[in-house]
């Protein structure tokens, strides 16, 4: 095998490990992500998995990065080409609902980041710092859309972007709980009604 083919194969193997890690961690948490479990699920040796990451913490961080890329692909990218401000914010919210409600092939345990934030909010260390950094980046992105919507007159002039984002984050955490913990059949409808109160009636 040539060095180029060997490197490509190593990259594909690493991607397979991360993909499986995302699925497991969405249900069992990042602490439930073990080298042995991944090796068994993927038909690999523990040494083979460990060789790609070195430590469990490195594996957790790689899994977080992979989950962030998947979240961006599912929630941000479908809305990225929409008009900035309220149209894009509403499109993001629509994709966010779909992510929580239907993305079971990627995140079988529901919202990966809700699980990670609850799991690590009282801890220290690089994994907690990475979770917090990703949440802050997402909040900044949402707040920028709210500011644009206010400047365009699509949201009231007195709207506080940080408060709006605070309420959006809470709304989507509640939606995840309704879907995951309670299997509530009206969860999505309730979320859409809450969004209409917060952002105004949806305009297709």
C-alpha atoms as a PDB file:
ATOM      1  CA  UNK A   1       0.000   0.000   0.000  1.00  0.00           C
ATOM      2  CA  UNK A   2       1.365   3.405  -0.952  1.00  0.00           C
ATOM      3  CA  UNK A   3       1.818   6.092   1.734  1.00  0.00           C
ATOM      4  CA  UNK A   4      -0.979   8.101   0.125  1.00  0.00           C
ATOM      5  CA  UNK A   5      -3.410   5.159   0.236  1.00  0.00           C
ATOM      6  CA  UNK A   6      -2.328   4.364   3.777  1.00  0.00           C
ATOM      7  CA  UNK A   7      -3.030   7.945   4.899  1.00  0.00           C
ATOM      8  CA  UNK A   8      -6.436   7.933   3.185  1.00  0.00           C
ATOM      9  CA  UNK A   9      -7.350   4.661   4.854  1.00  0.00           C
ATOM     10  CA  UNK A  10      -6.267   5.994   8.245  1.00  0.00           C
ATOM     11  CA  UNK A  11      -8.400   9.096   7.675  1.00  0.00           C
ATOM     12  CA  UNK A  12     -11.444   6.997   6.754  1.00  0.00           C
ATOM     13  CA  UNK A  13     -10.949   4.823   9.821  1.00  0.00           C
ATOM     14  CA  UNK A  14     -10.702   7.879  12.046  1.00  0.00           C
ATOM     15  CA  UNK A  15     -13.893   9.275  10.480  1.00  0.00           C
ATOM     16  CA  UNK A  16     -15.686   5.974  11.148  1.00  0.00           C
ATOM     17  CA  UNK A  17     -14.608   6.069  14.777  1.00  0.00           C
ATOM     18  CA  UNK A  18     -15.775   9.659  15.223  1.00  0.00           C
ATOM     19  CA  UNK A  19     -19.083   8.977  13.474  1.00  0.00           C
ATOM     20  CA  UNK A  20     -19.788   6.050  15.760  1.00  0.00           C
ATOM     21  CA  UNK A  21     -18.608   8.089  18.736  1.00  0.00           C
ATOM     22  CA  UNK A  22     -21.123  10.829  17.929  1.00  0.00           C
ATOM     23  CA  UNK A  23     -23.977   8.319  17.840  1.00  0.00           C
ATOM     24  CA  UNK A  24     -22.930   6.718  21.126  1.00  0.00           C
ATOM     25  CA  UNK A  25     -22.269   9.986  22.943  1.00  0.00           C
ATOM     26  CA  UNK A  26     -25.637  11.441  21.931  1.00  0.00           C
ATOM     27  CA  UNK A  27     -27.234   8.652  23.994  1.00  0.00           C
ATOM     28  CA  UNK A  28     -24.637   7.720  26.614  1.00  0.00           C
ATOM     29  CA  UNK A  29     -22.737  10.978  27.015  1.00  0.00           C
ATOM     30  CA  UNK A  30     -19.107  11.695  26.295  1.00  0.00           C
ATOM     31  CA  UNK A  31     -18.061   9.943  29.506  1.00  0.00           C
ATOM     32  CA  UNK A  32     -19.813   6.816  28.239  1.00  0.00           C
ATOM     33  CA  UNK A  33     -17.607   6.910  25.179  1.00  0.00           C
ATOM     34  CA  UNK A  34     -15.015   4.209  25.802  1.00  0.00           C
ATOM     35  CA  UNK A  35     -12.258   2.788  23.659  1.00  0.00           C
ATOM     36  CA  UNK A  36     -13.554  -0.738  24.333  1.00  0.00           C
ATOM     37  CA  UNK A  37     -17.129   0.058  23.304  1.00  0.00           C
ATOM     38  CA  UNK A  38     -16.028   1.709  20.078  1.00  0.00           C
ATOM     39  CA  UNK A  39     -13.641  -1.128  19.260  1.00  0.00           C
ATOM     40  CA  UNK A  40     -16.389  -3.714  19.759  1.00  0.00           C
ATOM     41  CA  UNK A  41     -18.938  -1.758  17.713  1.00  0.00           C
ATOM     42  CA  UNK A  42     -16.523  -1.221  14.837  1.00  0.00           C
ATOM     43  CA  UNK A  43     -14.874  -4.647  14.871  1.00  0.00           C
ATOM     44  CA  UNK A  44     -11.504  -3.147  15.733  1.00  0.00           C
ATOM     45  CA  UNK A  45      -8.935  -3.786  18.434  1.00  0.00           C
ATOM     46  CA  UNK A  46      -8.670  -1.394  21.354  1.00  0.00           C
ATOM     47  CA  UNK A  47      -5.129  -0.633  20.259  1.00  0.00           C
ATOM     48  CA  UNK A  48      -6.410   0.197  16.780  1.00  0.00           C
ATOM     49  CA  UNK A  49      -8.875   2.757  18.157  1.00  0.00           C
ATOM     50  CA  UNK A  50      -6.403   4.138  20.673  1.00  0.00           C
ATOM     51  CA  UNK A  51      -3.780   4.548  17.962  1.00  0.00           C
ATOM     52  CA  UNK A  52      -5.913   7.198  16.266  1.00  0.00           C
ATOM     53  CA  UNK A  53      -6.505   9.297  19.380  1.00  0.00           C
ATOM     54  CA  UNK A  54      -4.039   8.401  22.125  1.00  0.00           C
ATOM     55  CA  UNK A  55      -6.319   9.273  25.057  1.00  0.00           C
ATOM     56  CA  UNK A  56     -10.003   9.219  25.898  1.00  0.00           C
ATOM     57  CA  UNK A  57      -9.990  13.001  26.246  1.00  0.00           C
ATOM     58  CA  UNK A  58      -8.594  13.410  22.734  1.00  0.00           C
ATOM     59  CA  UNK A  59     -11.320  11.076  21.479  1.00  0.00           C
ATOM     60  CA  UNK A  60     -13.968  13.129  23.293  1.00  0.00           C
ATOM     61  CA  UNK A  61     -12.673  16.366  21.775  1.00  0.00           C
ATOM     62  CA  UNK A  62     -12.586  14.850  18.287  1.00  0.00           C
ATOM     63  CA  UNK A  63     -16.137  13.614  18.781  1.00  0.00           C
ATOM     64  CA  UNK A  64     -17.242  17.098  19.839  1.00  0.00           C
ATOM     65  CA  UNK A  65     -15.663  18.584  16.715  1.00  0.00           C
ATOM     66  CA  UNK A  66     -17.362  15.972  14.553  1.00  0.00           C
ATOM     67  CA  UNK A  67     -20.723  16.624  16.204  1.00  0.00           C
ATOM     68  CA  UNK A  68     -20.309  20.378  15.666  1.00  0.00           C
ATOM     69  CA  UNK A  69     -19.635  19.807  11.969  1.00  0.00           C
ATOM     70  CA  UNK A  70     -22.726  17.581  11.701  1.00  0.00           C
ATOM     71  CA  UNK A  71     -24.853  20.152  13.533  1.00  0.00           C
ATOM     72  CA  UNK A  72     -23.657  22.881  11.181  1.00  0.00           C
ATOM     73  CA  UNK A  73     -24.457  20.698   8.171  1.00  0.00           C
ATOM     74  CA  UNK A  74     -27.968  19.944   9.442  1.00  0.00           C
ATOM     75  CA  UNK A  75     -28.958  23.274  11.007  1.00  0.00           C
ATOM     76  CA  UNK A  76     -26.865  26.141   9.639  1.00  0.00           C
ATOM     77  CA  UNK A  77     -26.085  25.146   6.063  1.00  0.00           C
ATOM     78  CA  UNK A  78     -29.735  24.685   4.951  1.00  0.00           C
ATOM     79  CA  UNK A  79     -30.376  28.293   6.037  1.00  0.00           C
ATOM     80  CA  UNK A  80     -27.060  29.908   5.126  1.00  0.00           C
ATOM     81  CA  UNK A  81     -28.219  31.243   1.766  1.00  0.00           C
ATOM     82  CA  UNK A  82     -31.365  32.875   3.131  1.00  0.00           C
ATOM     83  CA  UNK A  83     -31.604  36.628   3.543  1.00  0.00           C
ATOM     84  CA  UNK A  84     -29.713  37.675   6.695  1.00  0.00           C
ATOM     85  CA  UNK A  85     -31.817  38.588   9.692  1.00  0.00           C
ATOM     86  CA  UNK A  86     -35.258  37.236  10.430  1.00  0.00           C
ATOM     87  CA  UNK A  87     -35.642  35.123   7.248  1.00  0.00           C
ATOM     88  CA  UNK A  88     -32.388  33.301   7.978  1.00  0.00           C
ATOM     89  CA  UNK A  89     -33.123  33.065  11.700  1.00  0.00           C
ATOM     90  CA  UNK A  90     -36.500  31.474  11.035  1.00  0.00           C
ATOM     91  CA  UNK A  91     -34.924  29.085   8.523  1.00  0.00           C
ATOM     92  CA  UNK A  92     -32.307  28.135  11.126  1.00  0.00           C
ATOM     93  CA  UNK A  93     -35.074  27.485  13.653  1.00  0.00           C
ATOM     94  CA  UNK A  94     -36.941  25.291  11.159  1.00  0.00           C
ATOM     95  CA  UNK A  95     -33.784  23.258  10.525  1.00  0.00           C
ATOM     96  CA  UNK A  96     -33.072  23.140  14.269  1.00  0.00           C
ATOM     97  CA  UNK A  97     -36.512  21.632  14.891  1.00  0.00           C
ATOM     98  CA  UNK A  98     -35.899  19.050  12.176  1.00  0.00           C
ATOM     99  CA  UNK A  99     -32.523  18.221  13.735  1.00  0.00           C
ATOM    100  CA  UNK A 100     -34.154  17.479  17.074  1.00  0.00           C
ATOM    101  CA  UNK A 101     -37.173  15.710  15.632  1.00  0.00           C
ATOM    102  CA  UNK A 102     -35.790  13.576  12.817  1.00  0.00           C
ATOM    103  CA  UNK A 103     -31.960  13.381  12.734  1.00  0.00           C
ATOM    104  CA  UNK A 104     -31.863   9.950  14.374  1.00  0.00           C
ATOM    105  CA  UNK A 105     -29.380   8.471  11.919  1.00  0.00           C
ATOM    106  CA  UNK A 106     -26.710  10.925  13.126  1.00  0.00           C
ATOM    107  CA  UNK A 107     -27.885  11.689  16.675  1.00  0.00           C
ATOM    108  CA  UNK A 108     -29.997   8.739  17.881  1.00  0.00           C
ATOM    109  CA  UNK A 109     -30.043  10.097  21.444  1.00  0.00           C
ATOM    110  CA  UNK A 110     -31.324  13.557  20.573  1.00  0.00           C
ATOM    111  CA  UNK A 111     -29.433  16.811  20.952  1.00  0.00           C
ATOM    112  CA  UNK A 112     -25.761  15.975  21.371  1.00  0.00           C
ATOM    113  CA  UNK A 113     -24.939  19.399  22.784  1.00  0.00           C
ATOM    114  CA  UNK A 114     -27.733  19.450  25.349  1.00  0.00           C
ATOM    115  CA  UNK A 115     -26.425  16.120  26.625  1.00  0.00           C
ATOM    116  CA  UNK A 116     -22.832  17.383  26.660  1.00  0.00           C
ATOM    117  CA  UNK A 117     -23.703  20.656  28.384  1.00  0.00           C
ATOM    118  CA  UNK A 118     -25.573  18.902  31.193  1.00  0.00           C
ATOM    119  CA  UNK A 119     -22.829  16.308  31.531  1.00  0.00           C
ATOM    120  CA  UNK A 120     -19.952  18.796  31.777  1.00  0.00           C
ATOM    121  CA  UNK A 121     -21.450  22.013  33.145  1.00  0.00           C
ATOM    122  CA  UNK A 122     -20.168  21.337  36.680  1.00  0.00           C
ATOM    123  CA  UNK A 123     -16.746  20.050  35.611  1.00  0.00           C
ATOM    124  CA  UNK A 124     -13.509  21.629  34.576  1.00  0.00           C
ATOM    125  CA  UNK A 125     -11.069  20.739  31.853  1.00  0.00           C
ATOM    126  CA  UNK A 126     -10.637  20.867  28.080  1.00  0.00           C
ATOM    127  CA  UNK A 127     -13.873  19.024  27.227  1.00  0.00           C
ATOM    128  CA  UNK A 128     -16.019  21.400  29.277  1.00  0.00           C
ATOM    129  CA  UNK A 129     -14.140  24.354  27.779  1.00  0.00           C
ATOM    130  CA  UNK A 130     -14.791  23.056  24.271  1.00  0.00           C
ATOM    131  CA  UNK A 131     -18.523  22.582  24.944  1.00  0.00           C
ATOM    132  CA  UNK A 132     -18.774  26.113  26.356  1.00  0.00           C
ATOM    133  CA  UNK A 133     -16.802  27.574  23.438  1.00  0.00           C
ATOM    134  CA  UNK A 134     -19.142  25.923  20.909  1.00  0.00           C
ATOM    135  CA  UNK A 135     -22.230  27.207  22.715  1.00  0.00           C
ATOM    136  CA  UNK A 136     -20.802  30.732  22.847  1.00  0.00           C
ATOM    137  CA  UNK A 137     -20.036  30.643  19.115  1.00  0.00           C
ATOM    138  CA  UNK A 138     -23.582  29.480  18.352  1.00  0.00           C
ATOM    139  CA  UNK A 139     -25.075  32.174  20.579  1.00  0.00           C
ATOM    140  CA  UNK A 140     -22.996  34.837  18.818  1.00  0.00           C
ATOM    141  CA  UNK A 141     -24.176  33.628  15.436  1.00  0.00           C
ATOM    142  CA  UNK A 142     -27.823  33.714  16.501  1.00  0.00           C
ATOM    143  CA  UNK A 143     -27.420  37.128  18.140  1.00  0.00           C
ATOM    144  CA  UNK A 144     -25.961  38.537  14.909  1.00  0.00           C
ATOM    145  CA  UNK A 145     -29.108  37.450  13.036  1.00  0.00           C
ATOM    146  CA  UNK A 146     -31.318  39.018  15.705  1.00  0.00           C
ATOM    147  CA  UNK A 147     -29.411  42.317  15.445  1.00  0.00           C
ATOM    148  CA  UNK A 148     -29.828  42.289  11.675  1.00  0.00           C
ATOM    149  CA  UNK A 149     -33.549  41.589  12.071  1.00  0.00           C
ATOM    150  CA  UNK A 150     -33.907  44.506  14.489  1.00  0.00           C
ATOM    151  CA  UNK A 151     -32.006  46.836  12.144  1.00  0.00           C
ATOM    152  CA  UNK A 152     -34.292  45.795   9.271  1.00  0.00           C
ATOM    153  CA  UNK A 153     -37.419  46.448  11.333  1.00  0.00           C
ATOM    154  CA  UNK A 154     -38.433  42.788  11.325  1.00  0.00           C
ATOM    155  CA  UNK A 155     -38.171  42.627  15.133  1.00  0.00           C
ATOM    156  CA  UNK A 156     -39.149  45.423  17.546  1.00  0.00           C
ATOM    157  CA  UNK A 157     -36.575  48.180  17.946  1.00  0.00           C
ATOM    158  CA  UNK A 158     -36.237  47.515  21.658  1.00  0.00           C
ATOM    159  CA  UNK A 159     -35.436  43.818  21.238  1.00  0.00           C
ATOM    160  CA  UNK A 160     -32.427  42.655  23.238  1.00  0.00           C
ATOM    161  CA  UNK A 161     -30.473  40.183  21.057  1.00  0.00           C
ATOM    162  CA  UNK A 162     -28.894  38.440  24.044  1.00  0.00           C
ATOM    163  CA  UNK A 163     -32.271  37.996  25.719  1.00  0.00           C
ATOM    164  CA  UNK A 164     -33.804  36.684  22.499  1.00  0.00           C
ATOM    165  CA  UNK A 165     -30.994  34.153  22.121  1.00  0.00           C
ATOM    166  CA  UNK A 166     -31.345  33.163  25.785  1.00  0.00           C
ATOM    167  CA  UNK A 167     -35.005  32.369  25.158  1.00  0.00           C
ATOM    168  CA  UNK A 168     -34.268  30.545  21.903  1.00  0.00           C
ATOM    169  CA  UNK A 169     -31.712  28.291  23.593  1.00  0.00           C
ATOM    170  CA  UNK A 170     -34.174  27.546  26.389  1.00  0.00           C
ATOM    171  CA  UNK A 171     -36.932  26.809  23.899  1.00  0.00           C
ATOM    172  CA  UNK A 172     -34.859  24.283  21.985  1.00  0.00           C
ATOM    173  CA  UNK A 173     -33.581  22.618  25.149  1.00  0.00           C
ATOM    174  CA  UNK A 174     -37.202  22.255  26.240  1.00  0.00           C
ATOM    175  CA  UNK A 175     -38.120  20.812  22.834  1.00  0.00           C
ATOM    176  CA  UNK A 176     -35.340  18.240  23.133  1.00  0.00           C
ATOM    177  CA  UNK A 177     -36.646  17.223  26.559  1.00  0.00           C
ATOM    178  CA  UNK A 178     -40.231  16.957  25.333  1.00  0.00           C
ATOM    179  CA  UNK A 179     -39.151  14.723  22.460  1.00  0.00           C
ATOM    180  CA  UNK A 180     -36.578  12.619  24.296  1.00  0.00           C
ATOM    181  CA  UNK A 181     -37.912  12.309  27.835  1.00  0.00           C
ATOM    182  CA  UNK A 182     -41.648  12.551  27.314  1.00  0.00           C
ATOM    183  CA  UNK A 183     -42.093  11.493  23.658  1.00  0.00           C
ATOM    184  CA  UNK A 184     -44.676  14.269  23.487  1.00  0.00           C
ATOM    185  CA  UNK A 185     -46.559  14.106  20.174  1.00  0.00           C
ATOM    186  CA  UNK A 186     -47.320  17.841  20.254  1.00  0.00           C
ATOM    187  CA  UNK A 187     -43.750  18.922  21.065  1.00  0.00           C
ATOM    188  CA  UNK A 188     -42.957  20.380  17.640  1.00  0.00           C
ATOM    189  CA  UNK A 189     -46.284  22.233  17.442  1.00  0.00           C
ATOM    190  CA  UNK A 190     -45.661  23.745  20.871  1.00  0.00           C
ATOM    191  CA  UNK A 191     -42.174  24.801  19.825  1.00  0.00           C
ATOM    192  CA  UNK A 192     -43.487  26.475  16.684  1.00  0.00           C
ATOM    193  CA  UNK A 193     -46.103  28.387  18.687  1.00  0.00           C
ATOM    194  CA  UNK A 194     -43.411  29.538  21.109  1.00  0.00           C
ATOM    195  CA  UNK A 195     -41.257  30.688  18.183  1.00  0.00           C
ATOM    196  CA  UNK A 196     -44.162  32.685  16.764  1.00  0.00           C
ATOM    197  CA  UNK A 197     -44.568  34.483  20.099  1.00  0.00           C
ATOM    198  CA  UNK A 198     -40.844  35.215  20.294  1.00  0.00           C
ATOM    199  CA  UNK A 199     -40.096  36.114  16.655  1.00  0.00           C
ATOM    200  CA  UNK A 200     -43.500  36.925  15.229  1.00  0.00           C
ATOM    201  CA  UNK A 201     -45.690  34.816  12.919  1.00  0.00           C
ATOM    202  CA  UNK A 202     -43.794  32.629  10.502  1.00  0.00           C
ATOM    203  CA  UNK A 203     -43.648  33.978   6.954  1.00  0.00           C
ATOM    204  CA  UNK A 204     -42.858  31.324   4.347  1.00  0.00           C
END
